[in-house]
Structure formats: C-alpha cells, structure tokens
Amino acid sequence: MKADRNKTIGCSEEEAAGYLARCVSLRAPAAAREVLDRTILGDTFAVLPLLPDGLADLAIVDPPYNLTRQYGAERFSRMTEAQYGDYTEKWLLLLLPKLKRNATVYVCCDWPSSQTISSVLGRHLKIQNRITWQREKGRGALRNWKNGMEDIWFATCSDDYVFHLEAVKQRRRVLAPYREDGRPKDWEQTPDGRFRDTCPSNFWDDISVPYWSMAENTPHPAQKPEKLLAKLILASSDPGAVVLDPFAGSGSAAVASKKLGRHFVSVEREAEYCAWAEKRLAAAASDPAIQGYEDGVFWERNTAARRSRKL
C-alpha cells in the first residue's frame, strides 16, 4: 500500500491491459494518420523504418545511457566507447529520414557518453549547443565528486530551424533590484516578491527530478521531468507540430507534447512502460498543468507562483 501522499503512477494488471489496448504495434509501413498521437509498442530499431519519412518537426531522444541497467524485462549492458558510438549511429541513421528538413533533434546523455554522442551527431547534423541541467538527486561517492549533472545536445538538420526565445524565458527572483529614475528596471514587483524574466541559458538549475509526491512520477528508473521536456518542445516547435520520441520510456515527452498542443509519436518496447504512458496521457486530457511552468514562464525551483503552487 502506498502512503497517502505517494502519487507514483502504477497500473494493476487489469488497468494495464486496458491501457495497452490503446497502443499500436506495427508490422508494415504506416501512414502518419496511423501513428500520430499514438504510443507504439515495439523496438525502435524495428519501428523507425516503418514510420513515414518527413514525419517529425522535433525529435527528443533519451536513449539508454552507456550503463548496465535493467529496463523492465530487458537489460542494457555497458559497451565500449566505440560500441556505444556504433549503437548511437545506428538509431540516428534510422531517425534522420523521419525528420523534416528544418527539424531539431535533442539527445539526452550523461557526461561519460556526452563526447561520444556529440561526435556522432556532428557527422550528420549541425550542433547548435550543449545544455547541461542540474539533477538535485544523485549518489555520493567516497573517492569522487557526486555526479549532479546531465547533458542534452541541441542539433538541427539545417540552419533553418525553429527557436522561440520568448516561450522559454525563466522567472527569477531579483536579489539586488536596480532602479532607474525610481522605477524598477527589467524587473517587476509582485505580491510574492521581485522577479525578472530572463533569457534562457544552456545551464538549467530549475529542474526537479520526479519523485514520489509528484503526480508525474512513475517507477521508471530514468524518467525525465515534464518541465525539462516542456522547455525543449516550446523552444523548438510550433503549436500543432509533431514530436517524435524513439525511446519513450514512461511517456514524458508525449505527455508534455499533449499538454502543450503538439502531436506526438512515441516508441517504447516495454509493455509496462507503455501502460504507464497511456495512463498519464489519459490524465493529461483533464489536467494540462506542468509543474514549474505557469503564466507562460518557467519558474525557479522551489518558487511560489501566482497560485502559490510549489514548483
């Protein structure tokens, strides 16, 4: 039995069967209408060739990191750096034909695999930046620094790509307010304090990794926060665009896409994860809130927004 405050999403066997019935499995090439806004149950290396070319405006890729880890019924085993590079290139070459000519690709990784990922991406795409985001969770180590960071590589298919700066500004508390002619300069006085909307940088320190008291949390071992994905989606796609996630996990990218008015195509090989994703997508229809995103801006971690909702 879960504690009353434990909001971790799970499914009974009966529930899971119902949610899995909403998923699709591909055995032959599919048209866009057959996969749009659907969770596809299957291995991405088999599914990607069956998707229509030129489908997606944005790809958010969160592949298994080069670590030995159990994902549902499957175990991913650590490879050599060269092997992991080959693995990365294999899925990337399958992904590229599915993207539009002005599409953007974001790839998540940890620091040991970051250089390998960037090297492969650089051979096929135009790398625009590296985002580093701070995990407030992490295990300590007796003989090393605690690993509290992960990377996201930002790459595009061409120099013609979408980027909406105003959509991803961050609201930060002003600690040393500056005035000009007695009036606030570039900040605003609110009932909750003094705040400034700032341009986003490539270092994100406002992300909370999902945990047991957050409504988006699942038992997935490497779940990405909806807030993090919302930044990528709002910055690099227009409303109504198609977001492709070839390693969907528990469906965070699909859920964030739905909440933000985008279409999605998700591919995940673990049936249990697909059931969690469909349960989250069903809930998103009535609750489009994204923790930490409100009033069109991203709030600092642990800042109270207008409706006094902890972020």
Protein backbone atom coordinates (compact mmCIF):
# COMPACT_ATOMS: atom_id res chain seq x y z
CA MET A 1 0.00 0.00 0.00
CA LYS A 2 1.25 3.46 -0.88
CA ALA A 3 1.27 6.33 1.59
CA ASP A 4 -1.49 8.88 1.05
CA ARG A 5 0.96 11.46 -0.31
CA ASN A 6 2.66 8.98 -2.63
CA LYS A 7 1.41 9.89 -6.12
CA THR A 8 3.60 7.45 -8.05
CA ILE A 9 1.73 6.19 -11.10
CA GLY A 10 1.21 2.46 -11.47
CA CYS A 11 -1.28 0.06 -13.03
CA SER A 12 -2.99 -3.11 -11.93
CA GLU A 13 -2.88 -5.96 -14.44
CA GLU A 14 -6.44 -5.17 -15.47
CA GLU A 15 -5.70 -1.47 -15.87
CA ALA A 16 -2.53 -2.19 -17.81
CA ALA A 17 -4.41 -4.41 -20.25
CA GLY A 18 -6.89 -1.61 -20.90
CA TYR A 19 -4.20 0.98 -21.49
CA LEU A 20 -2.15 -1.35 -23.67
CA ALA A 21 -5.19 -1.82 -25.89
CA ARG A 22 -4.77 1.86 -26.86
CA CYS A 23 -1.25 1.26 -28.15
CA VAL A 24 -0.40 0.18 -31.67
CA SER A 25 2.07 -2.38 -32.99
CA LEU A 26 3.49 -2.01 -36.48
CA ARG A 27 4.18 -4.91 -38.81
CA ALA A 28 4.23 -2.93 -42.08
CA PRO A 29 4.91 0.64 -43.20
CA ALA A 30 2.36 3.01 -41.64
CA ALA A 31 0.78 6.27 -42.73
CA ALA A 32 1.01 9.34 -40.50
CA ARG A 33 -2.65 9.08 -39.50
CA GLU A 34 -1.99 5.60 -38.08
CA VAL A 35 0.78 6.70 -35.70
CA LEU A 36 0.00 10.32 -34.85
CA ASP A 37 -0.75 10.79 -31.13
CA ARG A 38 -0.15 7.10 -30.53
CA THR A 39 2.15 5.06 -28.34
CA ILE A 40 3.80 2.38 -30.47
CA LEU A 41 4.72 -0.81 -28.63
CA GLY A 42 7.89 -2.13 -30.23
CA ASP A 43 11.66 -1.88 -30.52
CA THR A 44 12.68 1.42 -32.07
CA PHE A 45 15.18 -0.29 -34.42
CA ALA A 46 12.29 -2.24 -35.95
CA VAL A 47 9.67 0.53 -35.73
CA LEU A 48 11.54 3.55 -37.14
CA PRO A 49 11.87 2.06 -40.68
CA LEU A 50 8.07 1.62 -40.74
CA LEU A 51 7.27 5.28 -39.97
CA PRO A 52 6.63 7.70 -42.85
CA ASP A 53 9.56 9.84 -43.96
CA GLY A 54 9.46 13.56 -43.17
CA LEU A 55 7.08 12.95 -40.26
CA ALA A 56 8.54 14.95 -37.37
CA ASP A 57 9.36 18.59 -36.68
CA LEU A 58 11.21 17.74 -33.49
CA ALA A 59 12.87 14.60 -32.11
CA ILE A 60 13.58 14.23 -28.41
CA VAL A 61 15.84 11.24 -27.91
CA ASP A 62 16.58 9.77 -24.50
CA PRO A 63 18.43 6.53 -25.33
CA PRO A 64 19.76 4.15 -22.70
CA TYR A 65 22.89 5.70 -21.24
CA ASN A 66 26.02 3.60 -21.57
CA LEU A 67 25.45 1.94 -18.20
CA THR A 68 24.42 -1.54 -17.20
CA ARG A 69 20.81 -1.13 -16.11
CA GLN A 70 17.56 -3.04 -16.06
CA TYR A 71 14.67 -1.52 -18.04
CA GLY A 72 11.59 -3.60 -17.36
CA ALA A 73 12.15 -7.09 -18.74
CA GLU A 74 15.23 -6.02 -20.74
CA ARG A 75 18.75 -5.37 -19.52
CA PHE A 76 21.02 -2.84 -21.21
CA SER A 77 24.70 -3.74 -20.81
CA ARG A 78 27.52 -1.26 -20.82
CA MET A 79 29.55 -1.16 -24.04
CA THR A 80 32.95 0.12 -25.03
CA GLU A 81 33.02 3.71 -26.20
CA ALA A 82 33.36 2.57 -29.82
CA GLN A 83 30.45 0.14 -29.50
CA TYR A 84 28.25 2.81 -27.95
CA GLY A 85 29.17 5.13 -30.80
CA ASP A 86 28.08 2.48 -33.30
CA TYR A 87 24.85 1.96 -31.35
CA THR A 88 24.17 5.72 -31.42
CA GLU A 89 24.85 5.98 -35.14
CA LYS A 90 22.56 3.02 -35.80
CA TRP A 91 19.49 4.66 -34.28
CA LEU A 92 20.41 8.09 -35.63
CA LEU A 93 20.60 6.87 -39.23
CA LEU A 94 17.14 5.32 -38.83
CA LEU A 95 15.79 8.52 -37.29
CA LEU A 96 17.09 11.07 -39.80
CA PRO A 97 14.77 10.19 -42.73
CA LYS A 98 11.78 10.63 -40.42
CA LEU A 99 12.59 14.30 -39.83
CA LYS A 100 11.55 17.37 -41.79
CA ARG A 101 14.29 19.44 -43.39
CA ASN A 102 14.05 22.15 -40.73
CA ALA A 103 13.72 19.73 -37.79
CA THR A 104 15.53 19.87 -34.47
CA VAL A 105 17.00 16.95 -32.53
CA TYR A 106 17.71 16.90 -28.79
CA VAL A 107 19.69 13.97 -27.38
CA CYS A 108 19.97 13.29 -23.64
CA CYS A 109 23.11 11.75 -22.16
CA ASP A 110 25.35 11.60 -19.10
CA TRP A 111 28.86 13.05 -19.01
CA PRO A 112 30.77 9.81 -19.84
CA SER A 113 28.79 9.34 -23.06
CA SER A 114 28.43 13.03 -23.94
CA GLN A 115 31.56 13.22 -26.08
CA THR A 116 30.60 10.05 -27.97
CA ILE A 117 27.10 11.41 -28.64
CA SER A 118 28.41 14.77 -29.87
CA SER A 119 30.93 13.12 -32.18
CA VAL A 120 28.22 11.03 -33.86
CA LEU A 121 25.74 13.91 -34.08
CA GLY A 122 28.39 16.17 -35.57
CA ARG A 123 28.84 13.83 -38.52
CA HIS A 124 25.18 14.06 -39.54
CA LEU A 125 23.66 17.22 -38.03
CA LYS A 126 24.55 20.80 -37.17
CA ILE A 127 25.29 21.01 -33.45
CA GLN A 128 23.98 24.27 -32.04
CA ASN A 129 24.68 23.92 -28.33
CA ARG A 130 25.07 21.67 -25.33
CA ILE A 131 22.60 22.07 -22.48
CA THR A 132 23.66 20.95 -19.03
CA TRP A 133 20.96 20.50 -16.42
CA GLN A 134 21.37 20.02 -12.72
CA ARG A 135 19.92 16.96 -11.04
CA GLU A 136 19.24 17.68 -7.39
CA LYS A 137 19.34 13.93 -6.84
CA GLY A 138 22.36 11.69 -7.08
CA ARG A 139 24.52 9.29 -5.12
CA GLY A 140 27.58 10.47 -3.28
CA ALA A 141 30.97 8.83 -3.77
CA LEU A 142 33.85 8.28 -1.35
CA ARG A 143 36.59 9.00 -3.89
CA ASN A 144 34.94 11.27 -6.44
CA TRP A 145 32.61 14.23 -6.81
CA LYS A 146 28.90 13.48 -6.71
CA ASN A 147 27.50 13.37 -10.24
CA GLY A 148 24.76 16.00 -10.30
CA MET A 149 24.65 16.98 -13.99
CA GLU A 150 23.37 15.60 -17.29
CA ASP A 151 23.73 16.90 -20.85
CA ILE A 152 21.32 17.45 -23.72
CA TRP A 153 22.79 18.04 -27.17
CA PHE A 154 20.88 20.53 -29.33
CA ALA A 155 21.30 19.81 -33.05
CA THR A 156 19.44 20.75 -36.22
CA CYS A 157 19.05 19.35 -39.70
CA SER A 158 19.94 22.69 -41.26
CA ASP A 159 20.48 26.37 -40.47
CA ASP A 160 16.75 26.89 -40.99
CA TYR A 161 15.17 25.82 -37.70
CA VAL A 162 12.55 26.91 -35.18
CA PHE A 163 13.58 28.59 -31.92
CA HIS A 164 11.09 30.53 -29.79
CA LEU A 165 13.11 32.52 -27.27
CA GLU A 166 10.13 34.26 -25.65
CA ALA A 167 8.43 30.91 -24.98
CA VAL A 168 11.17 29.65 -22.69
CA LYS A 169 12.09 32.58 -20.50
CA GLN A 170 12.72 31.88 -16.84
CA ARG A 171 11.26 33.90 -13.97
CA ARG A 172 13.95 34.50 -11.36
CA ARG A 173 13.80 36.23 -8.03
CA VAL A 174 15.64 39.57 -8.01
CA LEU A 175 18.11 39.74 -5.12
CA ALA A 176 19.64 43.13 -5.89
CA PRO A 177 16.92 45.23 -7.57
CA TYR A 178 18.14 48.07 -9.78
CA ARG A 179 16.05 51.17 -10.34
CA GLU A 180 16.17 53.85 -12.98
CA ASP A 181 14.51 57.18 -12.18
CA GLY A 182 12.99 55.49 -9.16
CA ARG A 183 11.26 52.78 -11.23
CA PRO A 184 12.15 49.07 -11.44
CA LYS A 185 14.49 48.33 -14.36
CA ASP A 186 13.88 44.97 -16.04
CA TRP A 187 12.03 43.53 -13.04
CA GLU A 188 8.55 43.55 -11.57
CA GLN A 189 7.22 43.91 -8.04
CA THR A 190 4.57 41.26 -7.32
CA PRO A 191 2.70 40.19 -4.17
CA ASP A 192 5.11 37.22 -3.99
CA GLY A 193 8.28 39.31 -4.37
CA ARG A 194 10.51 40.86 -7.03
CA PHE A 195 11.00 38.88 -10.24
CA ARG A 196 12.72 39.22 -13.60
CA ASP A 197 12.03 37.22 -16.75
CA THR A 198 15.45 36.21 -18.06
CA CYS A 199 16.69 34.73 -21.33
CA PRO A 200 17.35 31.01 -21.06
CA SER A 201 20.95 29.83 -20.90
CA ASN A 202 22.43 26.41 -21.62
CA PHE A 203 22.68 25.67 -17.88
CA TRP A 204 19.40 24.72 -16.20
CA ASP A 205 19.26 24.73 -12.42
CA ASP A 206 15.47 24.83 -12.04
CA ILE A 207 14.60 21.19 -12.77
CA SER A 208 13.19 18.78 -10.18
CA VAL A 209 13.64 15.08 -10.95
CA PRO A 210 10.27 13.32 -10.43
CA TYR A 211 9.86 11.79 -7.00
CA TRP A 212 7.13 10.01 -5.05
CA SER A 213 4.99 13.05 -4.12
CA MET A 214 4.88 14.43 -7.69
CA ALA A 215 1.85 13.50 -9.80
CA GLU A 216 4.02 12.75 -12.86
CA ASN A 217 6.24 10.22 -11.07
CA THR A 218 6.42 6.60 -12.24
CA PRO A 219 8.67 3.70 -11.21
CA HIS A 220 10.71 4.12 -14.41
CA PRO A 221 14.43 4.13 -13.46
CA ALA A 222 15.39 7.10 -15.66
CA GLN A 223 12.29 9.26 -16.05
CA LYS A 224 12.78 12.78 -17.39
CA PRO A 225 10.75 15.65 -15.85
CA GLU A 226 7.89 17.16 -17.84
CA LYS A 227 9.27 20.62 -17.11
CA LEU A 228 12.58 19.79 -18.82
CA LEU A 229 10.80 18.41 -21.88
CA ALA A 230 8.43 21.37 -21.99
CA LYS A 231 11.40 23.69 -22.48
CA LEU A 232 12.63 21.69 -25.47
CA ILE A 233 9.16 21.45 -27.00
CA LEU A 234 8.23 25.12 -26.59
CA ALA A 235 11.60 26.37 -27.83
CA SER A 236 11.87 24.15 -30.89
CA SER A 237 8.38 23.51 -32.24
CA ASP A 238 5.24 25.37 -33.22
CA PRO A 239 1.76 24.52 -31.94
CA GLY A 240 0.47 21.52 -33.89
CA ALA A 241 3.97 20.26 -34.70
CA VAL A 242 4.91 16.58 -34.46
CA VAL A 243 7.30 15.45 -31.72
CA LEU A 244 8.95 12.05 -32.22
CA ASP A 245 10.33 10.13 -29.23
CA PRO A 246 12.02 6.86 -30.24
CA PHE A 247 12.90 5.79 -26.66
CA ALA A 248 9.72 6.87 -24.92
CA GLY A 249 10.03 5.20 -21.53
CA SER A 250 7.05 6.20 -19.40
CA GLY A 251 5.90 8.76 -21.97
CA SER A 252 7.07 12.09 -20.53
CA ALA A 253 7.74 13.67 -23.94
CA ALA A 254 4.34 12.56 -25.26
CA VAL A 255 2.56 13.88 -22.16
CA ALA A 256 4.35 17.25 -22.33
CA SER A 257 3.59 17.46 -26.07
CA LYS A 258 -0.11 16.81 -25.50
CA LYS A 259 -0.28 19.38 -22.71
CA LEU A 260 1.41 21.98 -24.93
CA GLY A 261 -0.72 21.46 -28.03
CA ARG A 262 1.69 19.38 -30.11
CA HIS A 263 1.22 16.00 -31.74
CA PHE A 264 3.43 13.11 -30.71
CA VAL A 265 4.68 9.75 -31.92
CA SER A 266 6.17 7.58 -29.15
CA VAL A 267 8.02 4.29 -29.50
CA GLU A 268 8.67 2.06 -26.49
CA ARG A 269 9.47 -1.65 -26.31
CA GLU A 270 8.43 -2.30 -22.68
CA ALA A 271 4.69 -3.02 -22.35
CA GLU A 272 4.60 -1.90 -18.72
CA TYR A 273 6.10 1.49 -19.61
CA CYS A 274 3.58 1.90 -22.44
CA ALA A 275 0.72 1.31 -20.00
CA TRP A 276 2.08 3.99 -17.67
CA ALA A 277 2.44 6.37 -20.62
CA GLU A 278 -1.16 5.82 -21.70
CA LYS A 279 -2.42 6.34 -18.16
CA ARG A 280 -0.53 9.65 -17.99
CA LEU A 281 -1.85 10.70 -21.42
CA ALA A 282 -5.41 10.00 -20.28
CA ALA A 283 -4.89 12.17 -17.20
CA ALA A 284 -3.35 14.97 -19.30
CA ALA A 285 -6.66 15.41 -21.13
CA SER A 286 -8.20 16.90 -17.99
CA ASP A 287 -5.08 18.31 -16.30
CA PRO A 288 -2.68 20.12 -18.65
CA ALA A 289 -0.57 21.60 -15.84
CA ILE A 290 3.20 21.19 -15.93
CA GLN A 291 4.88 21.56 -12.58
CA GLY A 292 7.20 24.57 -12.66
CA TYR A 293 5.63 26.16 -15.77
CA GLU A 294 2.94 28.78 -15.28
CA ASP A 295 1.85 32.10 -16.78
CA GLY A 296 3.92 31.35 -19.87
CA VAL A 297 7.23 31.27 -17.99
CA PHE A 298 9.40 28.74 -16.22
CA TRP A 299 9.81 29.42 -12.52
CA GLU A 300 12.88 28.77 -10.41
CA ARG A 301 12.85 25.59 -8.37
CA ASN A 302 11.03 25.99 -5.03
CA THR A 303 9.50 29.33 -6.04
CA ALA A 304 5.84 30.04 -5.28
CA ALA A 305 3.94 31.09 -8.39
CA ARG A 306 0.84 33.24 -8.57
CA ARG A 307 -1.44 30.50 -7.31
CA SER A 308 1.05 29.62 -4.55
CA ARG A 309 1.80 26.27 -6.14
CA LYS A 310 5.21 24.88 -5.17
CA LEU A 311 7.42 24.45 -8.22
